[in-house]
C-alpha cells in the first residue's frame, strides 16, 4: 500500500534553499539529489564535492548546474574539464580538487545547507568549517562527531545552529525527542539490524568472505558502512554520535537488535513512555526530514507498507559476537583521541579485509591493538584531530601487517 501525495508547490525564489553537498556521488549524496529532484522549486544546488566518479558527477552537473564542483585530485579535475568540454556543456562550474576543493564546497558563500555525506575523514575539515560559519549542516559523515565531537559541537553551539542528523537512527531520535525535554529522557534506544551474521555460528565467522559481509539483508549502502554494519562498528559509532548530538550520558544509551529495521530508534522517557519512529528502509525519508526541518513536507517517494509489516522482533546485542560495539563504548568513555583512533583503525582494517589481507575477525583485533597503543593527549584544535587520525592509521597499517601473514590464502579459500 503506497499512497501518492501531491507535490508541494514551488517556493518564491527568495525562499529557495541553497545546498552544497559533500560526497555528492556516494549513496547518500545521490539519494539527496533524488529528494531535491522530487521537490522542484524548493532547493537549488550551488556546490558539489565528489571523489573519482566523474560519470555520475557530470550527470549531476547537467541536471543541477552548480557554481562550483570539487573532485579528488588535479588529474581528475583536468579530466572533468575535458569531458565537460566534449559534451558541449555551456554553463561549466568552477572546478576544484583535493582538500582545498572540499573546503571551497563546504564554505560556499551561497550555501545555506551543507549536506555532509563524504565517507571518511576527508569530509571532516569541510564539515567543521561549515559549522563554524553558521550554516545548517545535514550530517551523514560519521567522522565529524566520532573523531571530533567535542570540537564540532562547541562550534555548533557558538554558531547557534544544531546539527540535523541524516543517519536513520539519529534522525529517528531527533524526531522522537521533539516529544519531550532533555531532562525527561531516561534513555535512547538505537536499533540495529544485526547485519548478515546475526545468526551465524561464532566459529564460522573466521571464514567470512567480503562478498558475504557485503550482503546486507535490509540496506543498500557503500562498502565500508556495510562492513561496519556486519561488525556492528557502525552502531558503536552511532552511540558516540548520539552522545554528542543529544547531550546524554553513556549510560543513557542502549543498542538492541531489530532485524526488520522498521523501528529506526526509540526514546524512553522518565515516566515509562516510549516514542518510536517507524519508516521504510529508505534513506530518502530522513534526508528529506533534515532538508526541510522544521517543516514536514509531503513525499511522493516513500511510505511504509503496513500490509507487509507482520512482526517486530528485538534481541540483545552480544558483545561476544560483536566486539566492535564494546570497543566503541570503551573509546567513548576514555574520550580524547580514542574515538578518533577507533575510527581511523576501523577504516584501515575494513579496507584490508575487503582486499583479503585481513580475516573478518581480524578487524576488531587490529582496532583493539591500535587503541592500546594510542597515547592520551588533548585534542584542542582540528589539526590535533588530524594528527591523531594520521598516527592511528599508521599504527593500524602496522598491525594489519603483523596479522596478515598467511591470511590472504585463508580468506580467499573460504
Protein backbone atom coordinates (compact mmCIF):
# COMPACT_ATOMS: atom_id res chain seq x y z
CA UNK A 1 0.00 0.00 0.00
CA UNK A 2 1.82 3.09 -1.22
CA UNK A 3 -0.03 6.36 -1.08
CA UNK A 4 0.61 9.02 -3.72
CA UNK A 5 0.74 12.55 -2.42
CA UNK A 6 0.53 15.92 -4.12
CA UNK A 7 3.87 17.64 -4.70
CA UNK A 8 4.42 20.75 -2.63
CA UNK A 9 4.14 23.99 -4.63
CA UNK A 10 7.33 25.76 -5.64
CA UNK A 11 8.54 28.40 -3.23
CA UNK A 12 9.17 32.06 -4.11
CA UNK A 13 12.71 32.41 -5.44
CA UNK A 14 14.00 34.17 -2.32
CA UNK A 15 12.83 31.24 -0.16
CA UNK A 16 14.52 28.50 -2.22
CA UNK A 17 17.15 26.77 -0.06
CA UNK A 18 20.67 26.70 -1.47
CA UNK A 19 22.53 23.40 -1.00
CA UNK A 20 26.14 22.25 -1.04
CA UNK A 21 26.79 18.51 -0.94
CA UNK A 22 29.99 16.86 0.25
CA UNK A 23 30.09 13.34 -1.15
CA UNK A 24 27.66 14.02 -3.98
CA UNK A 25 28.30 10.83 -5.96
CA UNK A 26 28.09 8.46 -2.98
CA UNK A 27 24.96 6.67 -1.83
CA UNK A 28 23.67 9.45 0.44
CA UNK A 29 24.66 12.19 -2.00
CA UNK A 30 22.78 10.54 -4.87
CA UNK A 31 19.70 10.00 -2.72
CA UNK A 32 19.87 13.59 -1.51
CA UNK A 33 19.74 14.79 -5.11
CA UNK A 34 16.84 12.39 -5.72
CA UNK A 35 14.96 14.16 -2.92
CA UNK A 36 15.84 17.56 -4.41
CA UNK A 37 14.58 16.46 -7.82
CA UNK A 38 11.32 15.19 -6.31
CA UNK A 39 10.64 18.65 -4.83
CA UNK A 40 11.12 21.05 -7.76
CA UNK A 41 11.41 24.70 -6.92
CA UNK A 42 12.31 24.16 -3.24
CA UNK A 43 16.08 23.68 -3.49
CA UNK A 44 18.96 24.90 -5.62
CA UNK A 45 22.31 23.09 -5.71
CA UNK A 46 25.22 25.54 -5.71
CA UNK A 47 28.19 23.28 -4.95
CA UNK A 48 29.09 19.59 -5.24
CA UNK A 49 32.13 17.67 -3.97
CA UNK A 50 32.87 14.21 -5.33
CA UNK A 51 35.80 11.81 -5.48
CA UNK A 52 36.57 9.76 -8.58
CA UNK A 53 33.14 9.02 -10.09
CA UNK A 54 33.24 11.59 -12.87
CA UNK A 55 30.47 9.99 -14.92
CA UNK A 56 27.97 10.37 -12.07
CA UNK A 57 29.20 13.89 -11.30
CA UNK A 58 28.79 15.01 -14.93
CA UNK A 59 25.16 13.90 -14.87
CA UNK A 60 24.64 15.88 -11.65
CA UNK A 61 26.27 18.95 -13.18
CA UNK A 62 23.98 18.72 -16.21
CA UNK A 63 20.85 18.44 -14.08
CA UNK A 64 21.66 20.94 -11.32
CA UNK A 65 24.18 23.41 -12.79
CA UNK A 66 26.20 24.07 -9.62
CA UNK A 67 28.51 27.05 -9.47
CA UNK A 68 31.50 25.01 -8.23
CA UNK A 69 32.46 21.35 -8.02
CA UNK A 70 35.39 19.52 -6.49
CA UNK A 71 36.99 16.16 -7.28
CA UNK A 72 39.67 14.04 -5.64
CA UNK A 73 42.83 15.35 -7.31
CA UNK A 74 44.29 17.54 -10.06
CA UNK A 75 44.33 14.75 -12.65
CA UNK A 76 40.61 14.15 -12.25
CA UNK A 77 39.94 17.90 -12.28
CA UNK A 78 41.65 18.14 -15.70
CA UNK A 79 39.76 15.09 -16.94
CA UNK A 80 36.44 16.52 -15.75
CA UNK A 81 37.12 19.79 -17.57
CA UNK A 82 37.92 17.89 -20.76
CA UNK A 83 34.79 15.73 -20.53
CA UNK A 84 32.56 18.74 -19.92
CA UNK A 85 34.05 20.44 -22.98
CA UNK A 86 33.48 17.32 -25.09
CA UNK A 87 29.83 17.23 -24.03
CA UNK A 88 29.44 20.85 -25.02
CA UNK A 89 28.11 21.95 -21.64
CA UNK A 90 27.87 25.71 -21.92
CA UNK A 91 27.44 26.51 -18.23
CA UNK A 92 30.51 24.90 -16.72
CA UNK A 93 31.16 25.15 -12.98
CA UNK A 94 34.44 26.19 -11.42
CA UNK A 95 36.43 23.00 -10.86
CA UNK A 96 38.44 22.48 -7.67
CA UNK A 97 40.15 19.44 -6.20
CA UNK A 98 41.55 17.86 -3.06
CA UNK A 99 41.37 19.29 0.45
CA UNK A 100 41.02 22.89 -0.75
CA UNK A 101 38.24 21.85 -3.09
CA UNK A 102 36.27 20.19 -0.29
CA UNK A 103 36.68 23.31 1.82
CA UNK A 104 35.52 25.51 -1.09
CA UNK A 105 32.33 23.46 -1.43
CA UNK A 106 31.63 23.28 2.30
CA UNK A 107 32.13 27.01 2.81
CA UNK A 108 30.47 28.28 -0.39
CA UNK A 109 29.06 31.70 0.41
CA UNK A 110 25.62 30.98 -1.08
CA UNK A 111 25.14 27.58 0.57
CA UNK A 112 22.61 27.71 3.39
CA UNK A 113 22.55 23.95 3.96
CA UNK A 114 25.65 21.75 3.70
CA UNK A 115 24.94 18.05 3.35
CA UNK A 116 27.95 16.27 4.86
CA UNK A 117 27.91 12.85 3.18
CA UNK A 118 31.55 12.29 2.24
CA UNK A 119 32.80 8.94 3.51
CA UNK A 120 35.82 9.02 5.79
CA UNK A 121 37.90 11.73 7.40
CA UNK A 122 38.16 13.53 4.03
CA UNK A 123 34.96 15.44 4.80
CA UNK A 124 35.82 16.33 8.38
CA UNK A 125 37.51 19.71 7.89
CA UNK A 126 34.93 20.99 5.42
CA UNK A 127 32.09 19.97 7.74
CA UNK A 128 33.75 21.68 10.69
CA UNK A 129 34.29 24.90 8.74
CA UNK A 130 30.65 24.87 7.58
CA UNK A 131 29.51 24.52 11.19
CA UNK A 132 31.75 27.39 12.29
CA UNK A 133 30.25 29.61 9.58
CA UNK A 134 26.78 29.00 10.99
CA UNK A 135 25.48 27.02 8.05
CA UNK A 136 22.81 24.39 8.62
CA UNK A 137 24.58 21.05 8.39
CA UNK A 138 22.69 17.88 7.47
CA UNK A 139 25.11 15.34 8.88
CA UNK A 140 25.72 11.88 7.46
CA UNK A 141 29.53 11.87 7.80
CA UNK A 142 30.20 9.89 10.99
CA UNK A 143 33.78 11.09 11.38
CA UNK A 144 32.69 14.63 12.24
CA UNK A 145 31.32 13.54 15.61
CA UNK A 146 33.22 10.30 16.20
CA UNK A 147 36.67 11.81 15.66
CA UNK A 148 35.98 15.43 16.65
CA UNK A 149 32.66 15.52 18.51
CA UNK A 150 33.74 17.94 21.22
CA UNK A 151 35.19 20.45 18.75
CA UNK A 152 32.29 20.24 16.30
CA UNK A 153 29.57 20.56 18.93
CA UNK A 154 31.35 23.50 20.57
CA UNK A 155 31.44 25.23 17.18
CA UNK A 156 27.75 24.48 16.59
CA UNK A 157 26.83 25.89 19.99
CA UNK A 158 28.86 29.03 19.36
CA UNK A 159 27.22 29.49 15.94
CA UNK A 160 23.76 28.90 17.39
CA UNK A 161 22.89 26.09 14.95
CA UNK A 162 22.02 22.49 15.73
CA UNK A 163 23.26 19.68 13.51
CA UNK A 164 20.48 17.85 11.68
CA UNK A 165 21.23 14.10 11.57
CA UNK A 166 20.67 12.22 8.32
CA UNK A 167 21.51 8.70 9.53
CA UNK A 168 18.20 6.92 10.04
CA UNK A 169 18.83 6.12 13.71
CA UNK A 170 19.81 9.62 14.80
CA UNK A 171 17.16 11.13 12.58
CA UNK A 172 14.61 8.92 14.36
CA UNK A 173 15.90 10.03 17.77
CA UNK A 174 15.73 13.67 16.69
CA UNK A 175 12.09 13.20 15.72
CA UNK A 176 11.18 11.36 18.93
CA UNK A 177 12.92 13.93 21.12
CA UNK A 178 10.54 16.58 19.84
CA UNK A 179 8.07 14.91 22.22
CA UNK A 180 9.90 15.86 25.43
CA UNK A 181 12.74 17.79 27.04
CA UNK A 182 16.27 16.54 27.61
CA UNK A 183 15.64 16.29 31.35
CA UNK A 184 12.68 13.98 30.73
CA UNK A 185 14.75 11.38 28.85
CA UNK A 186 15.61 8.12 30.61
CA UNK A 187 17.44 6.51 27.71
CA UNK A 188 17.92 6.46 23.98
CA UNK A 189 17.49 3.09 22.26
CA UNK A 190 19.30 2.67 18.94
CA UNK A 191 18.14 -0.24 16.82
CA UNK A 192 20.47 -2.39 14.74
CA UNK A 193 19.60 -4.88 12.03
CA UNK A 194 22.28 -7.29 13.23
CA UNK A 195 23.67 -7.46 9.69
CA UNK A 196 24.24 -10.66 7.72
CA UNK A 197 25.85 -12.60 10.59
CA UNK A 198 23.24 -12.19 13.31
CA UNK A 199 22.65 -15.96 13.45
CA UNK A 200 25.94 -17.24 12.01
CA UNK A 201 27.73 -19.69 14.34
CA UNK A 202 30.63 -17.90 16.00
CA UNK A 203 33.12 -20.49 14.78
CA UNK A 204 32.08 -19.81 11.16
CA UNK A 205 33.00 -16.10 11.40
CA UNK A 206 36.67 -17.00 10.93
CA UNK A 207 35.96 -17.88 7.30
CA UNK A 208 33.66 -14.99 6.34
CA UNK A 209 34.38 -13.55 2.87
CA UNK A 210 33.99 -9.92 1.77
CA UNK A 211 31.13 -10.97 -0.52
CA UNK A 212 29.23 -12.47 2.41
CA UNK A 213 29.87 -9.44 4.61
CA UNK A 214 28.67 -7.07 1.87
CA UNK A 215 25.33 -8.88 1.55
CA UNK A 216 23.34 -6.71 3.98
CA UNK A 217 19.80 -8.05 4.49
CA UNK A 218 17.99 -4.67 4.64
CA UNK A 219 20.01 -1.71 3.36
CA UNK A 220 21.98 -0.88 0.22
CA UNK A 221 24.97 1.19 1.29
CA UNK A 222 28.61 1.86 0.49
CA UNK A 223 31.23 -0.84 1.13
CA UNK A 224 32.73 0.47 4.35
CA UNK A 225 29.45 1.16 6.13
CA UNK A 226 28.14 -2.25 5.02
CA UNK A 227 31.14 -3.98 6.59
CA UNK A 228 30.74 -1.78 9.68
CA UNK A 229 27.16 -2.99 9.87
CA UNK A 230 28.35 -6.62 9.72
CA UNK A 231 30.76 -5.99 12.64
CA UNK A 232 28.30 -3.57 14.30
CA UNK A 233 31.04 -0.95 14.49
CA UNK A 234 28.56 1.34 12.77
CA UNK A 235 26.34 1.05 15.85
CA UNK A 236 29.32 1.80 18.07
CA UNK A 237 29.97 4.94 16.05
CA UNK A 238 26.28 5.86 16.33
CA UNK A 239 26.42 5.58 20.13
CA UNK A 240 29.34 8.04 20.14
CA UNK A 241 27.50 10.36 17.75
CA UNK A 242 24.32 10.24 19.83
CA UNK A 243 26.28 11.15 22.95
CA UNK A 244 27.33 14.42 21.27
CA UNK A 245 24.20 15.17 19.24
CA UNK A 246 21.76 14.78 22.10
CA UNK A 247 23.94 15.61 25.13
CA UNK A 248 23.29 12.37 27.02
CA UNK A 249 25.48 10.23 29.27
CA UNK A 250 26.96 6.94 28.02
CA UNK A 251 24.76 5.01 30.44
CA UNK A 252 21.65 6.55 28.87
CA UNK A 253 22.18 4.72 25.57
CA UNK A 254 21.26 1.18 24.67
CA UNK A 255 21.57 -0.84 21.46
CA UNK A 256 19.04 -3.54 20.58
CA UNK A 257 18.94 -5.76 17.52
CA UNK A 258 15.77 -5.30 15.47
CA UNK A 259 16.15 -7.37 12.28
CA UNK A 260 13.22 -5.81 10.41
CA UNK A 261 14.76 -2.28 10.59
CA UNK A 262 11.25 -0.83 10.70
CA UNK A 263 11.69 0.97 14.03
CA UNK A 264 14.69 3.17 13.43
CA UNK A 265 15.22 4.14 17.07
CA UNK A 266 13.29 4.90 20.26
CA UNK A 267 13.32 7.30 23.21
CA UNK A 268 12.22 6.14 26.66
CA UNK A 269 11.10 8.95 28.96
CA UNK A 270 11.27 9.00 32.75
CA UNK A 271 7.54 8.28 33.08
CA UNK A 272 7.94 5.00 31.19
CA UNK A 273 6.53 6.26 27.89
CA UNK A 274 8.44 5.17 24.77
CA UNK A 275 8.29 7.03 21.47
CA UNK A 276 9.45 5.12 18.40
CA UNK A 277 9.92 6.32 14.84
CA UNK A 278 8.90 3.84 12.15
CA UNK A 279 9.53 4.00 8.43
CA UNK A 280 10.57 2.01 5.38
CA UNK A 281 14.23 1.11 4.83
CA UNK A 282 14.70 4.09 2.52
CA UNK A 283 17.21 6.85 3.27
CA UNK A 284 15.24 9.43 1.31
CA UNK A 285 12.88 9.86 4.26
CA UNK A 286 15.49 11.04 6.81
CA UNK A 287 17.26 13.07 4.13
CA UNK A 288 14.06 14.95 3.33
CA UNK A 289 13.35 15.49 7.03
CA UNK A 290 16.80 17.07 7.51
CA UNK A 291 16.48 19.27 4.41
CA UNK A 292 13.01 20.60 5.22
CA UNK A 293 13.26 20.80 9.04
CA UNK A 294 11.42 22.19 10.99
CA UNK A 295 8.66 21.61 8.45
CA UNK A 296 7.33 18.25 7.36
CA UNK A 297 6.70 18.15 3.63
CA UNK A 298 4.66 15.64 1.65
CA UNK A 299 6.67 12.95 -0.16
CA UNK A 300 5.79 11.08 -3.33
CA UNK A 301 8.72 8.70 -2.90
CA UNK A 302 8.48 6.75 0.35
CA UNK A 303 5.75 5.30 2.55
CA UNK A 304 5.52 2.41 4.99
CA UNK A 305 3.53 -0.55 3.66
CA UNK A 306 1.53 -1.68 6.68
CA UNK A 307 0.23 -4.78 4.89
CA UNK A 308 3.77 -6.20 4.78
CA UNK A 309 4.50 -5.42 8.44
CA UNK A 310 3.92 -8.79 10.09
CA UNK A 311 6.12 -8.66 13.19
CA UNK A 312 8.66 -6.63 15.13
CA UNK A 313 11.44 -8.63 16.82
CA UNK A 314 14.06 -7.46 19.30
CA UNK A 315 17.08 -9.13 20.88
CA UNK A 316 20.11 -8.18 22.92
CA UNK A 317 23.28 -7.12 21.08
CA UNK A 318 26.02 -9.54 22.13
CA UNK A 319 29.48 -8.01 22.52
CA UNK A 320 30.92 -11.52 22.22
CA UNK A 321 29.51 -11.74 18.69
CA UNK A 322 30.11 -8.03 18.04
CA UNK A 323 33.30 -6.98 19.91
CA UNK A 324 33.44 -3.71 17.95
CA UNK A 325 30.45 -2.49 19.93
CA UNK A 326 32.44 -2.98 23.17
CA UNK A 327 35.49 -1.24 21.71
CA UNK A 328 33.42 1.77 20.69
CA UNK A 329 31.92 2.15 24.16
CA UNK A 330 35.38 1.90 25.75
CA UNK A 331 36.76 4.55 23.39
CA UNK A 332 33.80 6.83 24.10
CA UNK A 333 34.33 6.57 27.87
CA UNK A 334 38.04 7.37 27.56
CA UNK A 335 37.38 10.29 25.22
CA UNK A 336 40.18 12.46 23.87
CA UNK A 337 41.97 10.80 20.93
CA UNK A 338 40.45 7.34 21.44
CA UNK A 339 37.26 7.69 19.37
CA UNK A 340 39.38 9.26 16.60
CA UNK A 341 41.80 6.31 16.74
CA UNK A 342 38.85 3.89 16.79
CA UNK A 343 37.51 5.32 13.54
CA UNK A 344 40.89 5.51 11.80
CA UNK A 345 41.87 1.96 12.75
CA UNK A 346 38.49 0.65 11.65
CA UNK A 347 38.81 2.29 8.23
CA UNK A 348 42.24 0.73 7.68
CA UNK A 349 41.16 -2.70 8.96
CA UNK A 350 37.98 -2.74 6.86
CA UNK A 351 39.96 -1.82 3.73
CA UNK A 352 42.41 -4.65 4.48
CA UNK A 353 39.53 -7.11 4.90
CA UNK A 354 37.96 -6.04 1.61
CA UNK A 355 41.35 -6.52 -0.06
CA UNK A 356 41.58 -10.01 1.52
CA UNK A 357 44.65 -9.06 3.55
CA UNK A 358 42.87 -9.49 6.89
CA UNK A 359 40.26 -12.00 8.14
CA UNK A 360 36.88 -10.74 9.26
CA UNK A 361 37.66 -11.30 12.93
CA UNK A 362 40.96 -9.50 12.44
CA UNK A 363 39.06 -6.19 12.17
CA UNK A 364 38.34 -5.84 15.92
CA UNK A 365 41.75 -7.32 16.77
CA UNK A 366 43.57 -4.59 14.83
CA UNK A 367 41.36 -1.88 16.34
CA UNK A 368 41.92 -3.10 19.90
CA UNK A 369 45.70 -3.14 19.46
CA UNK A 370 45.69 0.38 18.00
CA UNK A 371 43.61 1.66 20.92
CA UNK A 372 46.06 0.05 23.35
CA UNK A 373 48.94 1.92 21.65
CA UNK A 374 47.16 5.29 21.46
CA UNK A 375 48.62 7.91 23.85
CA UNK A 376 46.26 10.04 25.91
CA UNK A 377 46.50 13.61 24.58
CA UNK A 378 44.18 16.62 24.41
CA UNK A 379 42.52 17.49 21.11
CA UNK A 380 42.25 21.27 21.26
CA UNK A 381 42.05 22.11 17.56
CA UNK A 382 41.29 20.37 14.28
CA UNK A 383 44.99 19.92 13.49
CA UNK A 384 45.26 17.82 16.67
CA UNK A 385 42.42 15.61 15.44
CA UNK A 386 44.05 15.16 12.03
CA UNK A 387 47.40 14.33 13.66
CA UNK A 388 45.75 11.72 15.91
CA UNK A 389 43.94 10.30 12.89
CA UNK A 390 47.14 10.00 10.85
CA UNK A 391 49.04 8.36 13.72
CA UNK A 392 46.24 5.83 14.31
CA UNK A 393 46.23 4.96 10.61
CA UNK A 394 49.98 4.42 10.69
CA UNK A 395 49.66 2.10 13.67
CA UNK A 396 46.74 0.27 12.09
CA UNK A 397 48.77 -0.41 8.94
CA UNK A 398 51.50 -1.85 11.14
CA UNK A 399 49.03 -4.06 12.97
CA UNK A 400 47.48 -5.27 9.72
CA UNK A 401 50.97 -6.18 8.54
CA UNK A 402 51.59 -8.19 11.71
CA UNK A 403 48.26 -10.01 11.37
CA UNK A 404 48.20 -10.52 7.61
CA UNK A 405 50.99 -13.10 7.25
CA UNK A 406 49.41 -16.17 5.65
CA UNK A 407 45.90 -14.76 5.94
CA UNK A 408 45.25 -13.86 2.30
CA UNK A 409 45.13 -17.50 1.18
CA UNK A 410 42.83 -18.44 4.06
CA UNK A 411 40.32 -15.70 3.27
CA UNK A 412 40.30 -16.39 -0.49
CA UNK A 413 39.66 -20.08 0.00
CA UNK A 414 36.79 -19.55 2.47
